[in-house]
């Protein structure tokens, strides 16, 4: 299955941030931690990127949790 949404450098940067965060902390970052870690001003930017990564099947979203993402490795 090919991914219709191309991987951008910004998406790759977020994905690498999440991987490093999980490796270091043994749990997934919150949207606020991703916002702070990538020096964004708005969580909406992170939400858009996470949604794009979910469409690419790189991440999974879990409803009802604060740390509601998982890697699809």
N, C-alpha and C. Protein backbone atom coordinates (compact mmCIF):
# COMPACT_ATOMS: atom_id res chain seq x y z
N UNK A 1 0.84 -1.18 0.00
CA UNK A 1 0.00 0.00 0.00
C UNK A 1 0.88 1.24 0.00
N UNK A 2 0.68 2.14 -0.92
CA UNK A 2 1.46 3.36 -0.98
C UNK A 2 0.78 4.46 -0.19
N UNK A 3 1.59 5.33 0.39
CA UNK A 3 1.06 6.45 1.15
C UNK A 3 0.76 7.60 0.20
N UNK A 4 -0.47 8.12 0.26
CA UNK A 4 -0.87 9.21 -0.61
C UNK A 4 -0.35 10.56 -0.13
N UNK A 5 -0.15 10.68 1.17
CA UNK A 5 0.35 11.93 1.74
C UNK A 5 1.87 11.84 1.80
N UNK A 6 2.58 12.71 1.08
CA UNK A 6 4.05 12.62 1.11
C UNK A 6 4.62 13.01 2.47
N UNK A 7 5.74 12.39 2.84
CA UNK A 7 6.41 12.71 4.10
C UNK A 7 7.20 14.00 3.90
N UNK A 8 6.86 15.01 4.68
CA UNK A 8 7.57 16.29 4.60
C UNK A 8 8.67 16.32 5.65
N UNK A 9 9.64 17.21 5.52
CA UNK A 9 10.68 17.32 6.55
C UNK A 9 10.11 17.63 7.94
N UNK A 10 9.03 18.41 7.99
CA UNK A 10 8.42 18.75 9.28
C UNK A 10 7.77 17.52 9.90
N UNK A 11 7.10 16.72 9.09
CA UNK A 11 6.50 15.48 9.60
C UNK A 11 7.58 14.53 10.10
N UNK A 12 8.66 14.43 9.36
CA UNK A 12 9.77 13.57 9.76
C UNK A 12 10.40 14.05 11.06
N UNK A 13 10.51 15.36 11.21
CA UNK A 13 11.05 15.94 12.44
C UNK A 13 10.19 15.57 13.64
N UNK A 14 8.87 15.66 13.49
CA UNK A 14 7.96 15.29 14.58
C UNK A 14 8.06 13.80 14.88
N UNK A 15 8.08 12.98 13.86
CA UNK A 15 8.17 11.54 14.05
C UNK A 15 9.47 11.16 14.77
N UNK A 16 10.57 11.78 14.38
CA UNK A 16 11.85 11.53 15.06
C UNK A 16 11.82 12.02 16.50
N UNK A 17 11.17 13.16 16.74
CA UNK A 17 11.03 13.67 18.10
C UNK A 17 10.28 12.66 18.97
N UNK A 18 9.18 12.13 18.45
CA UNK A 18 8.37 11.16 19.20
C UNK A 18 9.20 9.90 19.49
N UNK A 19 9.91 9.40 18.50
CA UNK A 19 10.74 8.20 18.69
C UNK A 19 11.79 8.41 19.76
N UNK A 20 12.49 9.54 19.72
CA UNK A 20 13.53 9.84 20.71
C UNK A 20 12.92 10.03 22.10
N UNK A 21 11.77 10.68 22.16
CA UNK A 21 11.09 10.92 23.44
C UNK A 21 10.71 9.60 24.10
N UNK A 22 10.14 8.70 23.30
CA UNK A 22 9.73 7.39 23.83
C UNK A 22 10.94 6.59 24.28
N UNK A 23 11.99 6.62 23.50
CA UNK A 23 13.21 5.88 23.86
C UNK A 23 13.80 6.39 25.18
N UNK A 24 13.78 7.69 25.37
CA UNK A 24 14.35 8.30 26.58
C UNK A 24 13.44 8.14 27.80
N UNK A 25 12.13 8.37 27.63
CA UNK A 25 11.20 8.44 28.76
C UNK A 25 10.35 7.19 28.99
N UNK A 26 10.32 6.30 28.01
CA UNK A 26 9.53 5.05 28.10
C UNK A 26 8.02 5.30 28.07
N UNK A 27 7.59 6.49 27.65
CA UNK A 27 6.18 6.78 27.43
C UNK A 27 6.07 7.87 26.37
N UNK A 28 4.88 8.04 25.82
CA UNK A 28 4.67 8.96 24.70
C UNK A 28 4.48 10.39 25.18
N UNK A 29 4.87 11.37 24.38
CA UNK A 29 4.70 12.77 24.77
C UNK A 29 3.25 13.23 24.61
N UNK A 30 2.89 14.24 25.40
CA UNK A 30 1.59 14.90 25.21
C UNK A 30 1.73 15.88 24.05
N UNK A 31 0.61 16.40 23.61
CA UNK A 31 0.65 17.39 22.53
C UNK A 31 1.40 18.64 22.99
N UNK A 32 1.24 19.01 24.26
CA UNK A 32 1.97 20.18 24.77
C UNK A 32 3.47 19.93 24.80
N UNK A 33 3.88 18.74 25.17
CA UNK A 33 5.31 18.41 25.17
C UNK A 33 5.89 18.42 23.75
N UNK A 34 5.11 17.95 22.79
CA UNK A 34 5.57 18.00 21.39
C UNK A 34 5.65 19.46 20.93
N UNK A 35 4.67 20.27 21.30
CA UNK A 35 4.68 21.70 20.95
C UNK A 35 5.91 22.38 21.51
N UNK A 36 6.19 22.14 22.78
CA UNK A 36 7.36 22.75 23.43
C UNK A 36 8.66 22.20 22.85
N UNK A 37 8.72 20.90 22.63
CA UNK A 37 9.94 20.26 22.14
C UNK A 37 10.34 20.69 20.74
N UNK A 38 9.36 21.06 19.93
CA UNK A 38 9.65 21.49 18.56
C UNK A 38 9.55 23.00 18.40
N UNK A 39 9.40 23.71 19.52
CA UNK A 39 9.34 25.18 19.54
C UNK A 39 8.21 25.75 18.70
N UNK A 40 7.04 25.11 18.77
CA UNK A 40 5.85 25.63 18.12
C UNK A 40 5.10 26.51 19.12
N UNK A 41 4.33 27.43 18.62
CA UNK A 41 3.53 28.30 19.49
C UNK A 41 2.14 27.74 19.75
N UNK A 42 1.67 26.88 18.85
CA UNK A 42 0.30 26.40 18.93
C UNK A 42 0.25 24.87 18.87
N UNK A 43 -0.60 24.29 19.73
CA UNK A 43 -0.80 22.84 19.68
C UNK A 43 -1.53 22.43 18.41
N UNK A 44 -2.24 23.37 17.79
CA UNK A 44 -2.96 23.04 16.56
C UNK A 44 -2.00 22.59 15.46
N UNK A 45 -0.84 23.18 15.39
CA UNK A 45 0.16 22.77 14.39
C UNK A 45 0.56 21.32 14.60
N UNK A 46 0.75 20.93 15.84
CA UNK A 46 1.10 19.55 16.17
C UNK A 46 -0.07 18.63 15.84
N UNK A 47 -1.28 19.06 16.14
CA UNK A 47 -2.47 18.25 15.85
C UNK A 47 -2.57 17.96 14.37
N UNK A 48 -2.34 18.96 13.53
CA UNK A 48 -2.39 18.78 12.08
C UNK A 48 -1.32 17.77 11.64
N UNK A 49 -0.11 17.91 12.16
CA UNK A 49 0.98 17.00 11.80
C UNK A 49 0.69 15.57 12.26
N UNK A 50 0.18 15.43 13.48
CA UNK A 50 -0.16 14.10 14.00
C UNK A 50 -1.24 13.47 13.13
N UNK A 51 -2.26 14.24 12.76
CA UNK A 51 -3.32 13.71 11.90
C UNK A 51 -2.76 13.23 10.56
N UNK A 52 -1.82 13.97 10.01
CA UNK A 52 -1.20 13.57 8.75
C UNK A 52 -0.39 12.28 8.91
N UNK A 53 0.29 12.15 10.05
CA UNK A 53 1.06 10.94 10.31
C UNK A 53 0.14 9.74 10.54
N UNK A 54 -1.02 9.98 11.13
CA UNK A 54 -2.02 8.92 11.29
C UNK A 54 -2.51 8.47 9.92
N UNK A 55 -2.77 9.41 9.02
CA UNK A 55 -3.21 9.05 7.67
C UNK A 55 -2.15 8.24 6.92
N UNK A 56 -0.89 8.51 7.21
CA UNK A 56 0.22 7.77 6.59
C UNK A 56 0.45 6.42 7.28
N UNK A 57 -0.29 6.17 8.35
CA UNK A 57 -0.16 4.94 9.14
C UNK A 57 1.18 4.86 9.87
N UNK A 58 1.74 6.01 10.21
CA UNK A 58 2.96 6.06 11.02
C UNK A 58 2.63 6.07 12.51
N UNK A 59 1.46 6.65 12.85
CA UNK A 59 1.01 6.74 14.23
C UNK A 59 -0.41 6.20 14.35
N UNK A 60 -0.77 5.85 15.60
CA UNK A 60 -2.15 5.49 15.96
C UNK A 60 -2.62 6.46 17.02
N UNK A 61 -3.87 6.87 16.95
CA UNK A 61 -4.46 7.70 18.00
C UNK A 61 -5.36 6.84 18.87
N UNK A 62 -5.25 7.04 20.17
CA UNK A 62 -6.07 6.33 21.14
C UNK A 62 -7.02 7.34 21.77
N UNK A 63 -8.29 7.08 21.71
CA UNK A 63 -9.27 8.00 22.28
C UNK A 63 -9.33 7.88 23.80
N UNK A 64 -9.50 9.04 24.45
CA UNK A 64 -9.71 9.03 25.89
C UNK A 64 -8.47 9.09 26.75
N UNK A 65 -7.30 9.26 26.15
CA UNK A 65 -6.07 9.31 26.92
C UNK A 65 -5.33 10.61 26.66
N UNK A 66 -4.61 11.10 27.65
CA UNK A 66 -3.84 12.32 27.48
C UNK A 66 -2.65 12.09 26.53
N UNK A 67 -1.97 11.01 26.71
CA UNK A 67 -0.87 10.62 25.83
C UNK A 67 -1.44 9.64 24.81
N UNK A 68 -2.18 10.19 23.85
CA UNK A 68 -3.06 9.35 23.03
C UNK A 68 -2.49 8.99 21.66
N UNK A 69 -1.18 8.87 21.56
CA UNK A 69 -0.59 8.42 20.30
C UNK A 69 0.31 7.22 20.55
N UNK A 70 0.48 6.43 19.51
CA UNK A 70 1.43 5.30 19.54
C UNK A 70 2.07 5.19 18.18
N UNK A 71 3.31 4.72 18.17
CA UNK A 71 4.01 4.49 16.90
C UNK A 71 3.51 3.19 16.29
N UNK A 72 3.43 3.15 14.98
CA UNK A 72 3.09 1.93 14.25
C UNK A 72 4.35 1.32 13.67
N UNK A 73 5.28 0.95 14.50
CA UNK A 73 6.55 0.38 14.01
C UNK A 73 6.43 -1.10 13.76
